């Protein structure tokens, strides 16, 4: 676009997509304090921009706490399940418990 805040693209299927040039940028009208803070943070990032820590901070995206905690909970549940299966395999007779890979576990039927 003319103000370089958005990028537009089109496809063969007659779809038009509108993307923000900076994903974390606010498109509303900024107050003077917000503009000053934004300019200050941009200047801070420009000088040492090749330092690995600055690159990490620049590419960081905020994740809401509720989503973050759900991800952590799912990760904990998955680890516990894997540990339980490992213990079940370790403490049972050889050959009584079969190990099924995750890819094959979710296959319902195979069509020929």
C-alpha atoms as a PDB file:
ATOM      1  CA  UNK A   1       0.000   0.000   0.000  1.00  0.00           C
ATOM      2  CA  UNK A   2       1.065   3.620  -0.286  1.00  0.00           C
ATOM      3  CA  UNK A   3       1.836   4.043   3.437  1.00  0.00           C
ATOM      4  CA  UNK A   4       3.842   0.754   3.516  1.00  0.00           C
ATOM      5  CA  UNK A   5       1.925  -0.551   6.521  1.00  0.00           C
ATOM      6  CA  UNK A   6       0.154  -3.297   4.589  1.00  0.00           C
ATOM      7  CA  UNK A   7       1.044  -5.730   1.812  1.00  0.00           C
ATOM      8  CA  UNK A   8      -1.565  -6.890  -0.665  1.00  0.00           C
ATOM      9  CA  UNK A   9      -1.353  -9.930  -2.888  1.00  0.00           C
ATOM     10  CA  UNK A  10      -3.699 -11.694  -5.250  1.00  0.00           C
ATOM     11  CA  UNK A  11      -4.020 -15.209  -6.627  1.00  0.00           C
ATOM     12  CA  UNK A  12      -5.316 -16.925  -9.747  1.00  0.00           C
ATOM     13  CA  UNK A  13      -8.509 -17.838  -7.889  1.00  0.00           C
ATOM     14  CA  UNK A  14      -9.440 -14.143  -7.581  1.00  0.00           C
ATOM     15  CA  UNK A  15      -8.528 -13.974  -3.876  1.00  0.00           C
ATOM     16  CA  UNK A  16      -7.042 -10.802  -2.455  1.00  0.00           C
ATOM     17  CA  UNK A  17      -5.044 -11.027   0.787  1.00  0.00           C
ATOM     18  CA  UNK A  18      -4.134  -8.088   2.990  1.00  0.00           C
ATOM     19  CA  UNK A  19      -1.156  -8.556   5.362  1.00  0.00           C
ATOM     20  CA  UNK A  20       0.361  -6.237   7.942  1.00  0.00           C
ATOM     21  CA  UNK A  21       3.977  -5.365   7.049  1.00  0.00           C
ATOM     22  CA  UNK A  22       4.982  -5.670  10.725  1.00  0.00           C
ATOM     23  CA  UNK A  23       2.887  -8.371  12.385  1.00  0.00           C
ATOM     24  CA  UNK A  24       3.142  -6.889  15.877  1.00  0.00           C
ATOM     25  CA  UNK A  25       2.481  -3.302  14.802  1.00  0.00           C
ATOM     26  CA  UNK A  26      -0.706  -1.593  15.920  1.00  0.00           C
ATOM     27  CA  UNK A  27      -2.765  -0.154  13.050  1.00  0.00           C
ATOM     28  CA  UNK A  28      -4.849   2.221  15.173  1.00  0.00           C
ATOM     29  CA  UNK A  29      -3.986   5.864  15.654  1.00  0.00           C
ATOM     30  CA  UNK A  30      -1.010   6.102  18.019  1.00  0.00           C
ATOM     31  CA  UNK A  31      -0.826   8.574  20.858  1.00  0.00           C
ATOM     32  CA  UNK A  32       2.252  10.774  21.122  1.00  0.00           C
ATOM     33  CA  UNK A  33       3.644   8.668  23.981  1.00  0.00           C
ATOM     34  CA  UNK A  34       3.196   5.483  21.941  1.00  0.00           C
ATOM     35  CA  UNK A  35       4.973   7.039  18.946  1.00  0.00           C
ATOM     36  CA  UNK A  36       7.909   8.142  21.099  1.00  0.00           C
ATOM     37  CA  UNK A  37       8.169   4.719  22.751  1.00  0.00           C
ATOM     38  CA  UNK A  38       7.993   2.971  19.372  1.00  0.00           C
ATOM     39  CA  UNK A  39      10.718   5.205  17.911  1.00  0.00           C
ATOM     40  CA  UNK A  40      12.915   4.708  20.964  1.00  0.00           C
ATOM     41  CA  UNK A  41      12.611   0.914  20.849  1.00  0.00           C
ATOM     42  CA  UNK A  42      13.373   0.912  17.098  1.00  0.00           C
ATOM     43  CA  UNK A  43      16.541   2.978  17.671  1.00  0.00           C
ATOM     44  CA  UNK A  44      17.619   0.630  20.449  1.00  0.00           C
ATOM     45  CA  UNK A  45      17.273  -2.343  18.104  1.00  0.00           C
ATOM     46  CA  UNK A  46      19.099  -0.732  15.161  1.00  0.00           C
ATOM     47  CA  UNK A  47      22.601  -0.307  16.617  1.00  0.00           C
ATOM     48  CA  UNK A  48      23.316  -3.831  17.964  1.00  0.00           C
ATOM     49  CA  UNK A  49      20.934  -5.570  15.533  1.00  0.00           C
ATOM     50  CA  UNK A  50      23.370  -8.391  14.686  1.00  0.00           C
ATOM     51  CA  UNK A  51      23.789  -9.523  18.282  1.00  0.00           C
ATOM     52  CA  UNK A  52      22.040 -12.909  18.890  1.00  0.00           C
ATOM     53  CA  UNK A  53      20.112 -11.697  21.941  1.00  0.00           C
ATOM     54  CA  UNK A  54      18.769  -8.663  20.065  1.00  0.00           C
ATOM     55  CA  UNK A  55      17.672 -10.925  17.208  1.00  0.00           C
ATOM     56  CA  UNK A  56      15.809 -13.101  19.726  1.00  0.00           C
ATOM     57  CA  UNK A  57      14.047 -10.091  21.262  1.00  0.00           C
ATOM     58  CA  UNK A  58      13.145  -8.698  17.830  1.00  0.00           C
ATOM     59  CA  UNK A  59      11.517 -11.962  16.697  1.00  0.00           C
ATOM     60  CA  UNK A  60       9.694 -12.625  19.964  1.00  0.00           C
ATOM     61  CA  UNK A  61       5.905 -12.676  19.755  1.00  0.00           C
ATOM     62  CA  UNK A  62       3.563 -12.311  22.713  1.00  0.00           C
ATOM     63  CA  UNK A  63       1.481 -15.375  23.526  1.00  0.00           C
ATOM     64  CA  UNK A  64      -1.541 -14.980  25.826  1.00  0.00           C
ATOM     65  CA  UNK A  65      -1.093 -16.649  29.212  1.00  0.00           C
ATOM     66  CA  UNK A  66      -4.142 -18.902  28.834  1.00  0.00           C
ATOM     67  CA  UNK A  67      -2.833 -20.332  25.556  1.00  0.00           C
ATOM     68  CA  UNK A  68       0.690 -20.681  26.984  1.00  0.00           C
ATOM     69  CA  UNK A  69      -0.576 -22.609  30.021  1.00  0.00           C
ATOM     70  CA  UNK A  70      -2.705 -24.891  27.813  1.00  0.00           C
ATOM     71  CA  UNK A  71       0.344 -25.691  25.672  1.00  0.00           C
ATOM     72  CA  UNK A  72       2.399 -26.446  28.787  1.00  0.00           C
ATOM     73  CA  UNK A  73      -0.378 -28.661  30.178  1.00  0.00           C
ATOM     74  CA  UNK A  74      -0.659 -30.626  26.915  1.00  0.00           C
ATOM     75  CA  UNK A  75       3.127 -31.041  26.884  1.00  0.00           C
ATOM     76  CA  UNK A  76       3.048 -32.382  30.470  1.00  0.00           C
ATOM     77  CA  UNK A  77       0.211 -34.792  29.628  1.00  0.00           C
ATOM     78  CA  UNK A  78       2.073 -36.097  26.584  1.00  0.00           C
ATOM     79  CA  UNK A  79       5.306 -36.604  28.551  1.00  0.00           C
ATOM     80  CA  UNK A  80       3.437 -38.420  31.334  1.00  0.00           C
ATOM     81  CA  UNK A  81       1.785 -40.738  28.810  1.00  0.00           C
ATOM     82  CA  UNK A  82       5.117 -41.537  27.184  1.00  0.00           C
ATOM     83  CA  UNK A  83       6.705 -42.232  30.572  1.00  0.00           C
ATOM     84  CA  UNK A  84       3.779 -44.461  31.553  1.00  0.00           C
ATOM     85  CA  UNK A  85       4.088 -46.489  28.335  1.00  0.00           C
ATOM     86  CA  UNK A  86       7.838 -46.813  28.861  1.00  0.00           C
ATOM     87  CA  UNK A  87       7.342 -48.054  32.426  1.00  0.00           C
ATOM     88  CA  UNK A  88       4.634 -50.479  31.290  1.00  0.00           C
ATOM     89  CA  UNK A  89       7.010 -51.879  28.657  1.00  0.00           C
ATOM     90  CA  UNK A  90       9.937 -52.045  31.112  1.00  0.00           C
ATOM     91  CA  UNK A  91       8.089 -53.861  33.899  1.00  0.00           C
ATOM     92  CA  UNK A  92       6.125 -56.444  31.891  1.00  0.00           C
ATOM     93  CA  UNK A  93       6.997 -59.805  30.384  1.00  0.00           C
ATOM     94  CA  UNK A  94       8.966 -59.636  27.129  1.00  0.00           C
ATOM     95  CA  UNK A  95       6.566 -59.661  24.171  1.00  0.00           C
ATOM     96  CA  UNK A  96       3.386 -59.052  26.193  1.00  0.00           C
ATOM     97  CA  UNK A  97       3.281 -55.298  25.523  1.00  0.00           C
ATOM     98  CA  UNK A  98       3.741 -54.148  21.940  1.00  0.00           C
ATOM     99  CA  UNK A  99       5.168 -50.745  21.083  1.00  0.00           C
ATOM    100  CA  UNK A 100       3.029 -48.984  18.464  1.00  0.00           C
ATOM    101  CA  UNK A 101       4.411 -45.849  16.842  1.00  0.00           C
ATOM    102  CA  UNK A 102       2.309 -42.678  16.973  1.00  0.00           C
ATOM    103  CA  UNK A 103       1.936 -42.668  13.192  1.00  0.00           C
ATOM    104  CA  UNK A 104       0.413 -46.153  13.106  1.00  0.00           C
ATOM    105  CA  UNK A 105      -1.670 -45.658  16.257  1.00  0.00           C
ATOM    106  CA  UNK A 106      -4.091 -43.238  14.605  1.00  0.00           C
ATOM    107  CA  UNK A 107      -4.657 -45.278  11.406  1.00  0.00           C
ATOM    108  CA  UNK A 108      -8.189 -46.711  11.551  1.00  0.00           C
ATOM    109  CA  UNK A 109      -8.277 -48.815   8.360  1.00  0.00           C
ATOM    110  CA  UNK A 110      -6.080 -49.333   5.337  1.00  0.00           C
ATOM    111  CA  UNK A 111      -7.849 -49.463   1.988  1.00  0.00           C
ATOM    112  CA  UNK A 112      -6.402 -51.496  -0.868  1.00  0.00           C
END
